[in-house]
Amino acid sequence: SPSDNSDDSESDESCSMSEEESDEEIKACMADIMYICCQRPDKRRDMLENSSQRLINCICSCAKNVLTFEIPINYHEKDALEKHKDVLRQLSDPNKSTLEKKEIIVQNGGGFLLSLIPTVVGAIAAMLQ
């Protein structure tokens, strides 16, 4: 299971990676994130509660990349993400710790992932071609 490797020892540190590290981490985490997205809401919440710091950092990087237009989005994707803009901004906030960001993700039940992930997957697929 992708969420079994929880690492609470570093969970109070803020998400900070270089752009290259971020891109590689996102690629490495996408299978886990997509697996979580395919689960029922209650199972998704449990998996997010037990997720690793690496996975939380990847989700935060995805949110930041969408907000900073590093990942291009079309009108329909923008419309779908619009209602989650506050969550995306909170996850992109460098002043929030990873633990705080994890709480935000769990509190929102990962529902915003269903809008965020297809956008990110499309961009990664384009990068790999």
N, C-alpha and C. Protein backbone atom coordinates (compact mmCIF):
# COMPACT_ATOMS: atom_id res chain seq x y z
N SER A 1 0.84 -1.19 0.00
CA SER A 1 0.00 0.00 0.00
C SER A 1 0.88 1.25 0.00
N PRO A 2 0.57 2.28 -0.74
CA PRO A 2 1.42 3.44 -0.86
C PRO A 2 1.50 4.27 0.40
N SER A 3 0.60 4.12 1.33
CA SER A 3 0.57 4.99 2.50
C SER A 3 1.14 4.35 3.75
N ASP A 4 1.78 3.21 3.62
CA ASP A 4 2.29 2.52 4.79
C ASP A 4 3.60 3.09 5.32
N ASN A 5 4.29 3.90 4.57
CA ASN A 5 5.60 4.37 4.98
C ASN A 5 5.53 5.77 5.58
N SER A 6 4.75 5.91 6.64
CA SER A 6 4.60 7.18 7.32
C SER A 6 5.88 7.52 8.06
N ASP A 7 6.27 8.80 8.00
CA ASP A 7 7.49 9.24 8.64
C ASP A 7 7.16 10.48 9.46
N ASP A 8 6.72 10.28 10.69
CA ASP A 8 6.32 11.40 11.53
C ASP A 8 7.50 12.12 12.15
N SER A 9 8.71 11.54 12.09
CA SER A 9 9.86 12.18 12.70
C SER A 9 10.20 13.50 12.03
N GLU A 10 9.87 13.65 10.75
CA GLU A 10 10.16 14.89 10.05
C GLU A 10 8.89 15.63 9.66
N SER A 11 7.76 15.27 10.24
CA SER A 11 6.48 15.80 9.80
C SER A 11 6.26 17.25 10.16
N ASP A 12 7.16 17.85 10.97
CA ASP A 12 6.95 19.24 11.30
C ASP A 12 7.80 20.17 10.44
N GLU A 13 8.53 19.63 9.48
CA GLU A 13 9.33 20.45 8.59
C GLU A 13 8.48 20.90 7.41
N SER A 14 8.80 22.07 6.90
CA SER A 14 8.06 22.61 5.76
C SER A 14 8.50 21.94 4.47
N CYS A 15 7.59 21.91 3.47
CA CYS A 15 7.91 21.35 2.16
C CYS A 15 8.90 22.27 1.48
N SER A 16 10.06 21.76 1.17
CA SER A 16 11.00 22.58 0.41
C SER A 16 11.91 21.67 -0.39
N MET A 17 11.79 21.78 -1.71
CA MET A 17 12.61 21.01 -2.63
C MET A 17 13.01 21.93 -3.76
N SER A 18 14.12 21.59 -4.40
CA SER A 18 14.48 22.34 -5.60
C SER A 18 13.49 21.96 -6.69
N GLU A 19 13.44 22.73 -7.76
CA GLU A 19 12.49 22.47 -8.85
C GLU A 19 12.74 21.09 -9.47
N GLU A 20 14.02 20.72 -9.67
CA GLU A 20 14.35 19.43 -10.27
C GLU A 20 13.95 18.28 -9.35
N GLU A 21 14.25 18.44 -8.03
CA GLU A 21 13.86 17.41 -7.06
C GLU A 21 12.34 17.28 -7.03
N SER A 22 11.66 18.41 -7.08
CA SER A 22 10.21 18.42 -7.04
C SER A 22 9.63 17.65 -8.22
N ASP A 23 10.12 17.91 -9.43
CA ASP A 23 9.62 17.22 -10.62
C ASP A 23 9.84 15.72 -10.51
N GLU A 24 11.01 15.31 -10.06
CA GLU A 24 11.32 13.88 -9.93
C GLU A 24 10.46 13.23 -8.85
N GLU A 25 10.26 13.93 -7.73
CA GLU A 25 9.43 13.41 -6.64
C GLU A 25 7.98 13.25 -7.10
N ILE A 26 7.49 14.23 -7.84
CA ILE A 26 6.12 14.15 -8.33
C ILE A 26 5.95 12.94 -9.24
N LYS A 27 6.90 12.74 -10.16
CA LYS A 27 6.83 11.58 -11.05
C LYS A 27 6.83 10.29 -10.25
N ALA A 28 7.68 10.23 -9.22
CA ALA A 28 7.79 9.02 -8.41
C ALA A 28 6.53 8.76 -7.58
N CYS A 29 5.83 9.80 -7.18
CA CYS A 29 4.65 9.67 -6.33
C CYS A 29 3.34 9.49 -7.09
N MET A 30 3.33 9.73 -8.38
CA MET A 30 2.08 9.76 -9.13
C MET A 30 1.29 8.45 -9.03
N ALA A 31 1.95 7.31 -9.06
CA ALA A 31 1.22 6.05 -8.96
C ALA A 31 0.49 5.95 -7.62
N ASP A 32 1.17 6.37 -6.54
CA ASP A 32 0.55 6.34 -5.21
C ASP A 32 -0.64 7.31 -5.14
N ILE A 33 -0.45 8.50 -5.68
CA ILE A 33 -1.51 9.51 -5.64
C ILE A 33 -2.72 9.05 -6.46
N MET A 34 -2.44 8.49 -7.63
CA MET A 34 -3.55 8.01 -8.48
C MET A 34 -4.28 6.86 -7.81
N TYR A 35 -3.55 5.99 -7.13
CA TYR A 35 -4.18 4.88 -6.40
C TYR A 35 -5.11 5.42 -5.31
N ILE A 36 -4.65 6.41 -4.58
CA ILE A 36 -5.46 7.03 -3.53
C ILE A 36 -6.73 7.65 -4.13
N CYS A 37 -6.58 8.30 -5.26
CA CYS A 37 -7.73 8.96 -5.92
C CYS A 37 -8.80 7.96 -6.34
N CYS A 38 -8.40 6.73 -6.61
CA CYS A 38 -9.35 5.71 -7.08
C CYS A 38 -10.14 5.05 -5.96
N GLN A 39 -9.83 5.40 -4.73
CA GLN A 39 -10.48 4.76 -3.59
C GLN A 39 -11.78 5.46 -3.20
N ARG A 40 -12.60 4.75 -2.44
CA ARG A 40 -13.81 5.36 -1.87
C ARG A 40 -13.38 6.48 -0.91
N PRO A 41 -14.22 7.47 -0.69
CA PRO A 41 -13.82 8.60 0.17
C PRO A 41 -13.33 8.20 1.57
N ASP A 42 -13.97 7.22 2.21
CA ASP A 42 -13.53 6.82 3.55
C ASP A 42 -12.16 6.14 3.51
N LYS A 43 -11.93 5.31 2.52
CA LYS A 43 -10.63 4.64 2.36
C LYS A 43 -9.56 5.67 1.99
N ARG A 44 -9.91 6.63 1.12
CA ARG A 44 -8.96 7.68 0.72
C ARG A 44 -8.52 8.48 1.93
N ARG A 45 -9.48 8.82 2.79
CA ARG A 45 -9.16 9.58 4.00
C ARG A 45 -8.21 8.80 4.90
N ASP A 46 -8.46 7.52 5.10
CA ASP A 46 -7.57 6.68 5.92
C ASP A 46 -6.16 6.64 5.32
N MET A 47 -6.08 6.49 4.01
CA MET A 47 -4.78 6.43 3.35
C MET A 47 -4.04 7.76 3.48
N LEU A 48 -4.75 8.86 3.37
CA LEU A 48 -4.12 10.18 3.51
C LEU A 48 -3.66 10.42 4.95
N GLU A 49 -4.43 9.96 5.92
CA GLU A 49 -4.04 10.10 7.33
C GLU A 49 -2.73 9.37 7.61
N ASN A 50 -2.49 8.26 6.91
CA ASN A 50 -1.29 7.45 7.14
C ASN A 50 -0.23 7.66 6.08
N SER A 51 -0.35 8.69 5.28
CA SER A 51 0.58 8.91 4.17
C SER A 51 1.93 9.43 4.66
N SER A 52 2.93 9.20 3.84
CA SER A 52 4.30 9.60 4.16
C SER A 52 4.50 11.09 3.91
N GLN A 53 5.55 11.62 4.50
CA GLN A 53 5.91 13.02 4.28
C GLN A 53 6.21 13.24 2.79
N ARG A 54 6.83 12.27 2.16
CA ARG A 54 7.16 12.37 0.73
C ARG A 54 5.90 12.57 -0.11
N LEU A 55 4.86 11.81 0.20
CA LEU A 55 3.61 11.91 -0.55
C LEU A 55 2.95 13.28 -0.32
N ILE A 56 2.96 13.75 0.92
CA ILE A 56 2.39 15.06 1.24
C ILE A 56 3.17 16.15 0.49
N ASN A 57 4.49 16.05 0.48
CA ASN A 57 5.32 17.02 -0.25
C ASN A 57 4.99 17.01 -1.73
N CYS A 58 4.73 15.84 -2.29
CA CYS A 58 4.39 15.75 -3.71
C CYS A 58 3.06 16.43 -4.01
N ILE A 59 2.08 16.19 -3.17
CA ILE A 59 0.77 16.82 -3.35
C ILE A 59 0.92 18.34 -3.25
N CYS A 60 1.72 18.80 -2.29
CA CYS A 60 1.96 20.25 -2.14
C CYS A 60 2.67 20.82 -3.36
N SER A 61 3.62 20.08 -3.90
CA SER A 61 4.33 20.53 -5.10
C SER A 61 3.39 20.62 -6.29
N CYS A 62 2.50 19.65 -6.41
CA CYS A 62 1.51 19.69 -7.49
C CYS A 62 0.65 20.94 -7.38
N ALA A 63 0.18 21.22 -6.16
CA ALA A 63 -0.65 22.40 -5.93
C ALA A 63 0.11 23.67 -6.28
N LYS A 64 1.36 23.76 -5.83
CA LYS A 64 2.17 24.94 -6.10
C LYS A 64 2.41 25.10 -7.60
N ASN A 65 2.73 24.01 -8.29
CA ASN A 65 3.00 24.08 -9.72
C ASN A 65 1.78 24.51 -10.53
N VAL A 66 0.61 24.12 -10.09
CA VAL A 66 -0.62 24.56 -10.77
C VAL A 66 -0.85 26.05 -10.51
N LEU A 67 -0.68 26.47 -9.27
CA LEU A 67 -0.92 27.88 -8.93
C LEU A 67 0.09 28.83 -9.57
N THR A 68 1.31 28.37 -9.78
CA THR A 68 2.34 29.23 -10.36
C THR A 68 2.43 29.06 -11.88
N PHE A 69 1.47 28.33 -12.44
CA PHE A 69 1.38 28.11 -13.89
C PHE A 69 2.56 27.35 -14.47
N GLU A 70 3.28 26.60 -13.61
CA GLU A 70 4.33 25.71 -14.09
C GLU A 70 3.69 24.57 -14.89
N ILE A 71 2.48 24.23 -14.47
CA ILE A 71 1.68 23.23 -15.18
C ILE A 71 0.56 23.98 -15.87
N PRO A 72 0.55 23.97 -17.20
CA PRO A 72 -0.50 24.69 -17.91
C PRO A 72 -1.86 24.02 -17.72
N ILE A 73 -2.88 24.83 -17.52
CA ILE A 73 -4.22 24.29 -17.36
C ILE A 73 -5.16 24.95 -18.36
N ASN A 74 -6.13 24.17 -18.81
CA ASN A 74 -7.10 24.73 -19.75
C ASN A 74 -8.30 25.28 -18.97
N TYR A 75 -9.26 25.82 -19.68
CA TYR A 75 -10.42 26.45 -19.07
C TYR A 75 -11.20 25.47 -18.18
N HIS A 76 -11.41 24.24 -18.66
CA HIS A 76 -12.18 23.26 -17.90
C HIS A 76 -11.46 22.84 -16.62
N GLU A 77 -10.15 22.67 -16.71
CA GLU A 77 -9.37 22.31 -15.52
C GLU A 77 -9.37 23.47 -14.52
N LYS A 78 -9.24 24.68 -15.03
CA LYS A 78 -9.27 25.85 -14.16
C LYS A 78 -10.61 25.95 -13.44
N ASP A 79 -11.68 25.71 -14.17
CA ASP A 79 -13.01 25.75 -13.60
C ASP A 79 -13.17 24.69 -12.50
N ALA A 80 -12.64 23.49 -12.74
CA ALA A 80 -12.74 22.41 -11.76
C ALA A 80 -11.91 22.71 -10.51
N LEU A 81 -10.78 23.39 -10.69
CA LEU A 81 -9.90 23.69 -9.56
C LEU A 81 -10.31 24.96 -8.81
N GLU A 82 -11.13 25.79 -9.42
CA GLU A 82 -11.52 27.07 -8.84
C GLU A 82 -12.10 26.93 -7.43
N LYS A 83 -12.96 25.94 -7.23
CA LYS A 83 -13.60 25.80 -5.91
C LYS A 83 -12.63 25.29 -4.84
N HIS A 84 -11.45 24.85 -5.26
CA HIS A 84 -10.44 24.35 -4.32
C HIS A 84 -9.28 25.32 -4.16
N LYS A 85 -9.43 26.55 -4.64
CA LYS A 85 -8.30 27.48 -4.66
C LYS A 85 -7.75 27.78 -3.27
N ASP A 86 -8.60 27.86 -2.25
CA ASP A 86 -8.11 28.13 -0.90
C ASP A 86 -7.25 26.99 -0.39
N VAL A 87 -7.68 25.76 -0.65
CA VAL A 87 -6.90 24.58 -0.23
C VAL A 87 -5.56 24.56 -0.97
N LEU A 88 -5.58 24.82 -2.26
CA LEU A 88 -4.34 24.83 -3.05
C LEU A 88 -3.39 25.91 -2.54
N ARG A 89 -3.91 27.05 -2.20
CA ARG A 89 -3.06 28.14 -1.67
C ARG A 89 -2.46 27.76 -0.32
N GLN A 90 -3.26 27.13 0.53
CA GLN A 90 -2.75 26.71 1.83
C GLN A 90 -1.64 25.67 1.68
N LEU A 91 -1.82 24.74 0.72
CA LEU A 91 -0.81 23.71 0.50
C LEU A 91 0.46 24.29 -0.12
N SER A 92 0.35 25.43 -0.78
CA SER A 92 1.50 26.08 -1.41
C SER A 92 2.21 27.05 -0.47
N ASP A 93 1.65 27.29 0.68
CA ASP A 93 2.19 28.25 1.63
C ASP A 93 3.49 27.73 2.26
N PRO A 94 4.62 28.39 2.00
CA PRO A 94 5.89 27.90 2.55
C PRO A 94 5.99 28.07 4.07
N ASN A 95 5.10 28.84 4.66
CA ASN A 95 5.13 29.05 6.11
C ASN A 95 4.38 27.98 6.89
N LYS A 96 3.68 27.10 6.19
CA LYS A 96 2.97 26.01 6.85
C LYS A 96 3.86 24.77 6.87
N SER A 97 3.83 24.05 7.98
CA SER A 97 4.62 22.83 8.10
C SER A 97 3.96 21.69 7.32
N THR A 98 4.72 20.64 7.09
CA THR A 98 4.18 19.47 6.41
C THR A 98 3.03 18.87 7.21
N LEU A 99 3.15 18.88 8.52
CA LEU A 99 2.09 18.35 9.37
C LEU A 99 0.80 19.16 9.20
N GLU A 100 0.92 20.49 9.15
CA GLU A 100 -0.26 21.34 8.94
C GLU A 100 -0.88 21.05 7.57
N LYS A 101 -0.04 20.89 6.57
CA LYS A 101 -0.52 20.61 5.22
C LYS A 101 -1.20 19.25 5.15
N LYS A 102 -0.65 18.29 5.87
CA LYS A 102 -1.27 16.95 5.91
C LYS A 102 -2.66 17.06 6.54
N GLU A 103 -2.79 17.84 7.60
CA GLU A 103 -4.08 18.02 8.25
C GLU A 103 -5.09 18.67 7.28
N ILE A 104 -4.63 19.62 6.49
CA ILE A 104 -5.50 20.28 5.50
C ILE A 104 -5.97 19.26 4.47
N ILE A 105 -5.05 18.43 3.99
CA ILE A 105 -5.39 17.41 2.99
C ILE A 105 -6.40 16.42 3.56
N VAL A 106 -6.15 15.94 4.77
CA VAL A 106 -7.06 14.97 5.40
C VAL A 106 -8.41 15.61 5.68
N GLN A 107 -8.40 16.84 6.18
CA GLN A 107 -9.66 17.54 6.50
C GLN A 107 -10.53 17.69 5.26
N ASN A 108 -9.90 17.91 4.12
CA ASN A 108 -10.65 18.06 2.88
C ASN A 108 -10.94 16.72 2.23
N GLY A 109 -10.50 15.65 2.85
CA GLY A 109 -10.81 14.31 2.38
C GLY A 109 -10.17 13.96 1.05
N GLY A 110 -9.26 14.79 0.60
CA GLY A 110 -8.60 14.52 -0.67
C GLY A 110 -9.49 14.74 -1.87
N GLY A 111 -10.69 15.29 -1.67
CA GLY A 111 -11.59 15.52 -2.79
C GLY A 111 -11.01 16.42 -3.85
N PHE A 112 -10.20 17.39 -3.44
CA PHE A 112 -9.57 18.29 -4.40
C PHE A 112 -8.58 17.55 -5.29
N LEU A 113 -8.09 16.40 -4.81
CA LEU A 113 -7.15 15.60 -5.62
C LEU A 113 -7.81 15.13 -6.90
N LEU A 114 -9.10 14.90 -6.85
CA LEU A 114 -9.81 14.41 -8.03
C LEU A 114 -9.82 15.45 -9.14
N SER A 115 -9.66 16.73 -8.79
CA SER A 115 -9.54 17.79 -9.79
C SER A 115 -8.09 18.08 -10.13
N LEU A 116 -7.22 18.00 -9.13
CA LEU A 116 -5.81 18.36 -9.31
C LEU A 116 -5.03 17.31 -10.09
N ILE A 117 -5.22 16.06 -9.77
CA ILE A 117 -4.37 15.00 -10.32
C ILE A 117 -4.49 14.83 -11.83
N PRO A 118 -5.68 14.83 -12.42
CA PRO A 118 -5.72 14.71 -13.88
C PRO A 118 -4.93 15.80 -14.60
N THR A 119 -4.94 16.99 -14.04
CA THR A 119 -4.18 18.10 -14.61
C THR A 119 -2.69 17.81 -14.55
N VAL A 120 -2.23 17.33 -13.40
CA VAL A 120 -0.81 17.06 -13.21
C VAL A 120 -0.37 15.86 -14.05
N VAL A 121 -1.19 14.82 -14.10
CA VAL A 121 -0.85 13.63 -14.89
C VAL A 121 -0.70 13.99 -16.36
N GLY A 122 -1.58 14.82 -16.86
CA GLY A 122 -1.49 15.25 -18.26
C GLY A 122 -0.18 15.99 -18.52
N ALA A 123 0.22 16.84 -17.60
CA ALA A 123 1.47 17.59 -17.77
C ALA A 123 2.68 16.66 -17.71
N ILE A 124 2.66 15.69 -16.80
CA ILE A 124 3.78 14.75 -16.68
C ILE A 124 3.87 13.89 -17.93
N ALA A 125 2.74 13.44 -18.43
CA ALA A 125 2.73 12.63 -19.65
C ALA A 125 3.33 13.43 -20.81
N ALA A 126 3.00 14.70 -20.89
CA ALA A 126 3.55 15.56 -21.94
C ALA A 126 5.06 15.72 -21.78
N MET A 127 5.53 15.82 -20.52
CA MET A 127 6.96 15.96 -20.27
C MET A 127 7.74 14.72 -20.66
N LEU A 128 7.13 13.55 -20.52
CA LEU A 128 7.82 12.30 -20.79
C LEU A 128 7.89 11.96 -22.27
N GLN A 129 7.13 12.65 -23.10
CA GLN A 129 7.13 12.35 -24.54
C GLN A 129 8.25 13.07 -25.26
